[in-house]
Amino acid sequence: MSMNHQQLKNIIEATLLTAGRPLSIDQLLTVFGDDEMPSKDDIRKILNEIDEDFSDRGVQIKQVSSGYRIQVKQELAPWISRLSEERPVRYSRALLETLALIVYRQPITRAEIEDVRGVAVSTSIIRTMIDRNWIKVVGHREVPGKPALYGTTRQFLDYFNLKSLSELPPLADIRSIDDIQRDFNLDIIDDGEVGEDVDHEKISRMESELEDITGDDEQDITEIIKEKSDKSISASTA
């Protein structure tokens, strides 16, 4: 059975709208039968056409690491967020500094993160990022104790609307943790306070652990990383 161009567009648009997650080209092809299968180039062209159709509307097609999805345009988030009955997710500076080190120095161990930040990394911070599927254990350092090496996941890229790590701003362009907040539209709280993480069940334990974390919140995150980068790299190759 042959399909006309408009039918293909309608099927692809409806598939993305109902999927609830990013879909790759191969995944989009699975909705078609053998006798109606478009080519991958046809799918890409149609995705571009749909995105052009959305140019003056409130949604867009966005390509992220896992594939393509239909999403609300970022500039409309202040209005759309009012529909949610849940409080916005909030993150401590300690969590974002730890995440920044994993992103830019991966693979990296917890001890190396602590060496760069100069303070202990709370277990709840690592657990929160793992629970959100932002980071995972990607290996173990070949040193006594074989500590876990952490790296980012596809879900991290999807969450921050990135196709790959190459789309991250160069480290030299990041002036402070506040720039990360603006770039990724995050709500930051001071260390010692609890972030309202809707995916985390153990807030009380997280609060007690975060209260033990101290540090100079005003210090430039780039400066923190660069100050001890040589030492961190030396430790990672020891």
C-alpha atoms as a PDB file:
ATOM      1  CA  MET A   1       0.000   0.000   0.000  1.00  0.00           C
ATOM      2  CA  SER A   2       1.468   3.323  -1.024  1.00  0.00           C
ATOM      3  CA  MET A   3       1.078   6.470   1.040  1.00  0.00           C
ATOM      4  CA  ASN A   4       1.034  10.037  -0.079  1.00  0.00           C
ATOM      5  CA  HIS A   5       3.323  12.631   1.437  1.00  0.00           C
ATOM      6  CA  GLN A   6       0.692  14.196   3.671  1.00  0.00           C
ATOM      7  CA  GLN A   7      -0.234  10.820   5.159  1.00  0.00           C
ATOM      8  CA  LEU A   8       3.399  10.219   6.074  1.00  0.00           C
ATOM      9  CA  LYS A   9       3.603  13.646   7.723  1.00  0.00           C
ATOM     10  CA  ASN A  10       0.444  13.007   9.726  1.00  0.00           C
ATOM     11  CA  ILE A  11       1.645   9.587  10.908  1.00  0.00           C
ATOM     12  CA  ILE A  12       5.068  10.868  11.977  1.00  0.00           C
ATOM     13  CA  GLU A  13       3.612  13.895  13.742  1.00  0.00           C
ATOM     14  CA  ALA A  14       1.042  11.766  15.576  1.00  0.00           C
ATOM     15  CA  THR A  15       3.681   9.192  16.531  1.00  0.00           C
ATOM     16  CA  LEU A  16       5.969  11.821  18.061  1.00  0.00           C
ATOM     17  CA  LEU A  17       3.046  13.475  19.815  1.00  0.00           C
ATOM     18  CA  THR A  18       1.912  10.272  21.529  1.00  0.00           C
ATOM     19  CA  ALA A  19       5.299   8.650  22.225  1.00  0.00           C
ATOM     20  CA  GLY A  20       6.077  10.644  25.362  1.00  0.00           C
ATOM     21  CA  ARG A  21       9.803  10.236  24.721  1.00  0.00           C
ATOM     22  CA  PRO A  22      12.343  10.982  21.971  1.00  0.00           C
ATOM     23  CA  LEU A  23      12.247   8.582  19.012  1.00  0.00           C
ATOM     24  CA  SER A  24      15.108   7.764  16.663  1.00  0.00           C
ATOM     25  CA  ILE A  25      14.682   7.434  12.908  1.00  0.00           C
ATOM     26  CA  ASP A  26      14.771   3.640  13.246  1.00  0.00           C
ATOM     27  CA  GLN A  27      12.080   3.756  15.932  1.00  0.00           C
ATOM     28  CA  LEU A  28       9.875   5.930  13.744  1.00  0.00           C
ATOM     29  CA  LEU A  29      10.238   3.411  10.929  1.00  0.00           C
ATOM     30  CA  THR A  30       8.826   0.615  13.107  1.00  0.00           C
ATOM     31  CA  VAL A  31       5.296   2.064  12.874  1.00  0.00           C
ATOM     32  CA  PHE A  32       5.216   1.388   9.118  1.00  0.00           C
ATOM     33  CA  GLY A  33       4.501  -1.921   7.431  1.00  0.00           C
ATOM     34  CA  ASP A  34       6.895  -3.485   4.925  1.00  0.00           C
ATOM     35  CA  ASP A  35       4.795  -2.378   1.984  1.00  0.00           C
ATOM     36  CA  GLU A  36       4.604   1.249   3.123  1.00  0.00           C
ATOM     37  CA  MET A  37       8.089   1.788   4.526  1.00  0.00           C
ATOM     38  CA  PRO A  38       9.552   5.248   3.738  1.00  0.00           C
ATOM     39  CA  SER A  39      13.308   5.773   3.518  1.00  0.00           C
ATOM     40  CA  LYS A  40      15.331   7.310   6.322  1.00  0.00           C
ATOM     41  CA  ASP A  41      15.932  10.359   4.127  1.00  0.00           C
ATOM     42  CA  ASP A  42      12.175  10.704   3.664  1.00  0.00           C
ATOM     43  CA  ILE A  43      11.714  10.656   7.443  1.00  0.00           C
ATOM     44  CA  ARG A  44      14.376  13.353   7.941  1.00  0.00           C
ATOM     45  CA  LYS A  45      12.811  15.579   5.270  1.00  0.00           C
ATOM     46  CA  ILE A  46       9.379  15.204   6.822  1.00  0.00           C
ATOM     47  CA  LEU A  47      10.710  16.018  10.285  1.00  0.00           C
ATOM     48  CA  ASN A  48      12.200  19.235   8.891  1.00  0.00           C
ATOM     49  CA  GLU A  49       8.904  20.058   7.180  1.00  0.00           C
ATOM     50  CA  ILE A  50       6.902  19.528  10.360  1.00  0.00           C
ATOM     51  CA  ASP A  51       9.313  21.747  12.278  1.00  0.00           C
ATOM     52  CA  GLU A  52       8.869  24.442   9.636  1.00  0.00           C
ATOM     53  CA  ASP A  53       5.090  24.092  10.022  1.00  0.00           C
ATOM     54  CA  PHE A  54       5.597  24.712  13.754  1.00  0.00           C
ATOM     55  CA  SER A  55       7.686  27.868  13.203  1.00  0.00           C
ATOM     56  CA  ASP A  56       4.895  30.259  14.223  1.00  0.00           C
ATOM     57  CA  ARG A  57       3.300  27.936  16.786  1.00  0.00           C
ATOM     58  CA  GLY A  58       3.969  27.100  20.414  1.00  0.00           C
ATOM     59  CA  VAL A  59       5.689  23.767  19.844  1.00  0.00           C
ATOM     60  CA  GLN A  60       8.722  22.556  17.930  1.00  0.00           C
ATOM     61  CA  ILE A  61      10.514  19.396  16.896  1.00  0.00           C
ATOM     62  CA  LYS A  62      13.734  19.059  18.871  1.00  0.00           C
ATOM     63  CA  GLN A  63      16.525  16.594  18.155  1.00  0.00           C
ATOM     64  CA  VAL A  64      18.233  15.343  21.310  1.00  0.00           C
ATOM     65  CA  SER A  65      20.591  12.469  22.006  1.00  0.00           C
ATOM     66  CA  SER A  66      17.924   9.742  21.914  1.00  0.00           C
ATOM     67  CA  GLY A  67      16.116  11.037  18.850  1.00  0.00           C
ATOM     68  CA  TYR A  68      13.368  13.520  17.968  1.00  0.00           C
ATOM     69  CA  ARG A  69      10.477  14.795  20.075  1.00  0.00           C
ATOM     70  CA  ILE A  70       7.732  17.407  19.962  1.00  0.00           C
ATOM     71  CA  GLN A  71       8.086  19.860  22.824  1.00  0.00           C
ATOM     72  CA  VAL A  72       6.879  23.248  23.995  1.00  0.00           C
ATOM     73  CA  LYS A  73       9.127  26.116  23.007  1.00  0.00           C
ATOM     74  CA  GLN A  74      11.281  27.231  25.909  1.00  0.00           C
ATOM     75  CA  GLU A  75      10.055  30.828  25.884  1.00  0.00           C
ATOM     76  CA  LEU A  76       6.553  29.591  26.766  1.00  0.00           C
ATOM     77  CA  ALA A  77       7.680  27.644  29.845  1.00  0.00           C
ATOM     78  CA  PRO A  78       6.636  30.352  32.376  1.00  0.00           C
ATOM     79  CA  TRP A  79       3.001  29.948  31.297  1.00  0.00           C
ATOM     80  CA  ILE A  80       2.936  26.187  30.770  1.00  0.00           C
ATOM     81  CA  SER A  81       4.577  25.549  34.157  1.00  0.00           C
ATOM     82  CA  ARG A  82       1.531  27.020  35.893  1.00  0.00           C
ATOM     83  CA  LEU A  83      -0.411  23.894  34.946  1.00  0.00           C
ATOM     84  CA  SER A  84       1.792  21.745  37.157  1.00  0.00           C
ATOM     85  CA  GLU A  85       0.635  21.153  40.714  1.00  0.00           C
ATOM     86  CA  GLU A  86       4.148  20.146  41.743  1.00  0.00           C
ATOM     87  CA  ARG A  87       6.708  22.670  42.901  1.00  0.00           C
ATOM     88  CA  PRO A  88       9.582  23.345  40.485  1.00  0.00           C
ATOM     89  CA  VAL A  89      12.620  21.119  40.879  1.00  0.00           C
ATOM     90  CA  ARG A  90      15.368  22.966  42.742  1.00  0.00           C
ATOM     91  CA  TYR A  91      19.064  22.072  42.906  1.00  0.00           C
ATOM     92  CA  SER A  92      21.799  22.984  45.368  1.00  0.00           C
ATOM     93  CA  ARG A  93      25.005  24.626  44.227  1.00  0.00           C
ATOM     94  CA  ALA A  94      26.885  21.608  45.566  1.00  0.00           C
ATOM     95  CA  LEU A  95      24.925  19.325  43.235  1.00  0.00           C
ATOM     96  CA  LEU A  96      25.485  21.557  40.201  1.00  0.00           C
ATOM     97  CA  GLU A  97      29.199  21.924  40.905  1.00  0.00           C
ATOM     98  CA  THR A  98      29.474  18.146  41.202  1.00  0.00           C
ATOM     99  CA  LEU A  99      27.506  17.668  37.984  1.00  0.00           C
ATOM    100  CA  ALA A 100      29.682  20.227  36.161  1.00  0.00           C
ATOM    101  CA  LEU A 101      32.825  18.337  37.163  1.00  0.00           C
ATOM    102  CA  ILE A 102      31.378  15.039  35.954  1.00  0.00           C
ATOM    103  CA  VAL A 103      30.273  16.622  32.669  1.00  0.00           C
ATOM    104  CA  TYR A 104      33.590  18.299  31.881  1.00  0.00           C
ATOM    105  CA  ARG A 105      36.031  15.807  33.481  1.00  0.00           C
ATOM    106  CA  GLN A 106      34.320  12.467  32.843  1.00  0.00           C
ATOM    107  CA  PRO A 107      35.125   9.773  33.595  1.00  0.00           C
ATOM    108  CA  ILE A 108      35.851  10.917  37.134  1.00  0.00           C
ATOM    109  CA  THR A 109      35.771   9.340  40.592  1.00  0.00           C
ATOM    110  CA  ARG A 110      34.080  10.709  43.680  1.00  0.00           C
ATOM    111  CA  ALA A 111      37.474  11.242  45.341  1.00  0.00           C
ATOM    112  CA  GLU A 112      38.645  13.332  42.364  1.00  0.00           C
ATOM    113  CA  ILE A 113      35.489  15.442  42.582  1.00  0.00           C
ATOM    114  CA  GLU A 114      36.131  15.987  46.294  1.00  0.00           C
ATOM    115  CA  ASP A 115      39.747  16.912  45.582  1.00  0.00           C
ATOM    116  CA  VAL A 116      38.673  19.606  43.121  1.00  0.00           C
ATOM    117  CA  ARG A 117      35.828  21.019  45.230  1.00  0.00           C
ATOM    118  CA  GLY A 118      37.756  20.777  48.487  1.00  0.00           C
ATOM    119  CA  VAL A 119      34.753  19.348  50.378  1.00  0.00           C
ATOM    120  CA  ALA A 120      33.094  15.959  50.721  1.00  0.00           C
ATOM    121  CA  VAL A 121      30.532  14.944  48.109  1.00  0.00           C
ATOM    122  CA  SER A 122      27.289  13.925  49.790  1.00  0.00           C
ATOM    123  CA  THR A 123      26.031  10.441  49.012  1.00  0.00           C
ATOM    124  CA  SER A 124      22.594  11.940  48.392  1.00  0.00           C
ATOM    125  CA  ILE A 125      23.974  14.189  45.638  1.00  0.00           C
ATOM    126  CA  ILE A 126      25.375  11.221  43.721  1.00  0.00           C
ATOM    127  CA  ARG A 127      22.197   9.232  44.385  1.00  0.00           C
ATOM    128  CA  THR A 128      19.966  12.079  43.193  1.00  0.00           C
ATOM    129  CA  MET A 129      21.831  12.354  39.870  1.00  0.00           C
ATOM    130  CA  ILE A 130      21.772   8.569  39.407  1.00  0.00           C
ATOM    131  CA  ASP A 131      18.042   8.439  40.259  1.00  0.00           C
ATOM    132  CA  ARG A 132      17.399  11.121  37.638  1.00  0.00           C
ATOM    133  CA  ASN A 133      19.444   9.064  35.133  1.00  0.00           C
ATOM    134  CA  TRP A 134      21.834  11.980  34.577  1.00  0.00           C
ATOM    135  CA  ILE A 135      24.955  10.002  35.500  1.00  0.00           C
ATOM    136  CA  LYS A 136      25.987   6.358  35.722  1.00  0.00           C
ATOM    137  CA  VAL A 137      28.990   4.227  36.632  1.00  0.00           C
ATOM    138  CA  VAL A 138      30.979   3.805  33.420  1.00  0.00           C
ATOM    139  CA  GLY A 139      33.909   1.829  34.853  1.00  0.00           C
ATOM    140  CA  HIS A 140      36.343   1.611  37.734  1.00  0.00           C
ATOM    141  CA  ARG A 141      39.727   3.279  38.221  1.00  0.00           C
ATOM    142  CA  GLU A 142      42.579   0.768  38.279  1.00  0.00           C
ATOM    143  CA  VAL A 143      43.890   1.856  41.677  1.00  0.00           C
ATOM    144  CA  PRO A 144      43.537   0.280  45.146  1.00  0.00           C
ATOM    145  CA  GLY A 145      39.852  -0.012  45.983  1.00  0.00           C
ATOM    146  CA  LYS A 146      38.882   0.358  42.308  1.00  0.00           C
ATOM    147  CA  PRO A 147      36.635   3.415  42.833  1.00  0.00           C
ATOM    148  CA  ALA A 148      33.687   3.916  40.491  1.00  0.00           C
ATOM    149  CA  LEU A 149      34.094   6.232  37.500  1.00  0.00           C
ATOM    150  CA  TYR A 150      31.101   8.437  36.734  1.00  0.00           C
ATOM    151  CA  GLY A 151      29.963   9.751  33.369  1.00  0.00           C
ATOM    152  CA  THR A 152      26.827  11.302  31.892  1.00  0.00           C
ATOM    153  CA  THR A 153      23.980   9.445  30.180  1.00  0.00           C
ATOM    154  CA  ARG A 154      21.769   9.911  27.124  1.00  0.00           C
ATOM    155  CA  GLN A 155      19.008  10.958  29.509  1.00  0.00           C
ATOM    156  CA  PHE A 156      21.218  13.813  30.740  1.00  0.00           C
ATOM    157  CA  LEU A 157      21.576  15.043  27.157  1.00  0.00           C
ATOM    158  CA  ASP A 158      17.843  14.645  26.526  1.00  0.00           C
ATOM    159  CA  TYR A 159      16.933  16.544  29.700  1.00  0.00           C
ATOM    160  CA  PHE A 160      19.089  19.510  28.727  1.00  0.00           C
ATOM    161  CA  ASN A 161      18.045  19.477  25.042  1.00  0.00           C
ATOM    162  CA  LEU A 162      21.464  18.398  23.775  1.00  0.00           C
ATOM    163  CA  LYS A 163      22.319  16.062  20.893  1.00  0.00           C
ATOM    164  CA  SER A 164      25.845  15.423  22.184  1.00  0.00           C
ATOM    165  CA  LEU A 165      28.387  16.692  24.713  1.00  0.00           C
ATOM    166  CA  SER A 166      29.990  18.721  21.922  1.00  0.00           C
ATOM    167  CA  GLU A 167      27.053  21.139  22.187  1.00  0.00           C
ATOM    168  CA  LEU A 168      28.028  22.099  25.729  1.00  0.00           C
ATOM    169  CA  PRO A 169      29.654  25.514  26.059  1.00  0.00           C
ATOM    170  CA  PRO A 170      33.470  25.427  26.297  1.00  0.00           C
ATOM    171  CA  LEU A 171      34.712  25.458  29.866  1.00  0.00           C
ATOM    172  CA  ALA A 172      36.345  28.849  29.328  1.00  0.00           C
ATOM    173  CA  ASP A 173      32.923  30.322  28.492  1.00  0.00           C
ATOM    174  CA  ILE A 174      31.368  29.305  31.812  1.00  0.00           C
ATOM    175  CA  ARG A 175      31.939  32.155  34.239  1.00  0.00           C
ATOM    176  CA  SER A 176      30.065  30.918  37.291  1.00  0.00           C
ATOM    177  CA  ILE A 177      27.494  28.451  38.536  1.00  0.00           C
ATOM    178  CA  ASP A 178      24.905  31.175  37.939  1.00  0.00           C
ATOM    179  CA  ASP A 179      25.662  30.963  34.218  1.00  0.00           C
ATOM    180  CA  ILE A 180      24.759  27.272  34.334  1.00  0.00           C
ATOM    181  CA  GLN A 181      21.486  28.244  35.993  1.00  0.00           C
ATOM    182  CA  ARG A 182      20.665  30.694  33.205  1.00  0.00           C
ATOM    183  CA  ASP A 183      21.810  28.416  30.365  1.00  0.00           C
ATOM    184  CA  PHE A 184      19.722  25.460  31.537  1.00  0.00           C
ATOM    185  CA  ASN A 185      16.854  27.315  33.250  1.00  0.00           C
ATOM    186  CA  LEU A 186      17.508  25.696  36.629  1.00  0.00           C
ATOM    187  CA  ASP A 187      16.320  26.808  40.055  1.00  0.00           C
ATOM    188  CA  ILE A 188      19.325  26.903  42.403  1.00  0.00           C
ATOM    189  CA  ILE A 189      19.260  26.937  46.192  1.00  0.00           C
ATOM    190  CA  ASP A 190      22.123  27.552  48.599  1.00  0.00           C
ATOM    191  CA  ASP A 191      24.059  24.598  50.001  1.00  0.00           C
ATOM    192  CA  GLY A 192      22.461  23.323  53.143  1.00  0.00           C
ATOM    193  CA  GLU A 193      18.909  23.728  51.841  1.00  0.00           C
ATOM    194  CA  VAL A 194      16.856  20.942  50.354  1.00  0.00           C
ATOM    195  CA  GLY A 195      15.985  20.861  46.658  1.00  0.00           C
ATOM    196  CA  GLU A 196      12.434  19.882  45.888  1.00  0.00           C
ATOM    197  CA  ASP A 197      13.248  16.854  43.724  1.00  0.00           C
ATOM    198  CA  VAL A 198       9.955  15.270  42.760  1.00  0.00           C
ATOM    199  CA  ASP A 199      11.697  12.003  41.867  1.00  0.00           C
ATOM    200  CA  HIS A 200      13.390  11.650  45.253  1.00  0.00           C
ATOM    201  CA  GLU A 201      11.593   9.878  48.092  1.00  0.00           C
ATOM    202  CA  LYS A 202      14.066  10.423  50.920  1.00  0.00           C
ATOM    203  CA  ILE A 203      14.122  14.192  51.366  1.00  0.00           C
ATOM    204  CA  SER A 204      14.798  14.137  55.095  1.00  0.00           C
ATOM    205  CA  ARG A 205      17.996  12.121  54.724  1.00  0.00           C
ATOM    206  CA  MET A 206      19.063  14.297  51.844  1.00  0.00           C
ATOM    207  CA  GLU A 207      18.585  17.395  54.010  1.00  0.00           C
ATOM    208  CA  SER A 208      20.835  16.145  56.806  1.00  0.00           C
ATOM    209  CA  GLU A 209      23.583  15.206  54.357  1.00  0.00           C
ATOM    210  CA  LEU A 210      23.412  18.470  52.439  1.00  0.00           C
ATOM    211  CA  GLU A 211      23.735  20.449  55.675  1.00  0.00           C
ATOM    212  CA  ASP A 212      27.251  19.051  56.073  1.00  0.00           C
ATOM    213  CA  ILE A 213      28.392  20.501  52.735  1.00  0.00           C
ATOM    214  CA  THR A 214      30.139  23.858  52.872  1.00  0.00           C
ATOM    215  CA  GLY A 215      32.147  25.919  50.466  1.00  0.00           C
ATOM    216  CA  ASP A 216      32.465  29.315  48.851  1.00  0.00           C
ATOM    217  CA  ASP A 217      29.269  29.631  46.830  1.00  0.00           C
ATOM    218  CA  GLU A 218      30.549  32.778  45.188  1.00  0.00           C
ATOM    219  CA  GLN A 219      33.687  31.173  43.802  1.00  0.00           C
ATOM    220  CA  ASP A 220      33.701  30.872  40.024  1.00  0.00           C
ATOM    221  CA  ILE A 221      33.014  27.238  39.015  1.00  0.00           C
ATOM    222  CA  THR A 222      35.502  27.555  36.161  1.00  0.00           C
ATOM    223  CA  GLU A 223      38.125  28.743  38.631  1.00  0.00           C
ATOM    224  CA  ILE A 224      37.362  25.805  40.938  1.00  0.00           C
ATOM    225  CA  ILE A 225      37.833  23.307  38.121  1.00  0.00           C
ATOM    226  CA  LYS A 226      40.913  24.953  36.627  1.00  0.00           C
ATOM    227  CA  GLU A 227      42.638  25.515  39.988  1.00  0.00           C
ATOM    228  CA  LYS A 228      43.009  21.801  40.582  1.00  0.00           C
ATOM    229  CA  SER A 229      42.626  20.315  37.130  1.00  0.00           C
ATOM    230  CA  ASP A 230      46.281  19.302  36.924  1.00  0.00           C
ATOM    231  CA  LYS A 231      46.047  17.598  40.282  1.00  0.00           C
ATOM    232  CA  SER A 232      42.826  15.859  39.262  1.00  0.00           C
ATOM    233  CA  ILE A 233      44.314  14.613  36.014  1.00  0.00           C
ATOM    234  CA  SER A 234      47.395  13.361  37.830  1.00  0.00           C
ATOM    235  CA  ALA A 235      45.213  11.446  40.249  1.00  0.00           C
ATOM    236  CA  SER A 236      43.193   9.908  37.421  1.00  0.00           C
ATOM    237  CA  THR A 237      46.311   8.518  35.750  1.00  0.00           C
ATOM    238  CA  ALA A 238      48.013   7.337  38.923  1.00  0.00           C
END
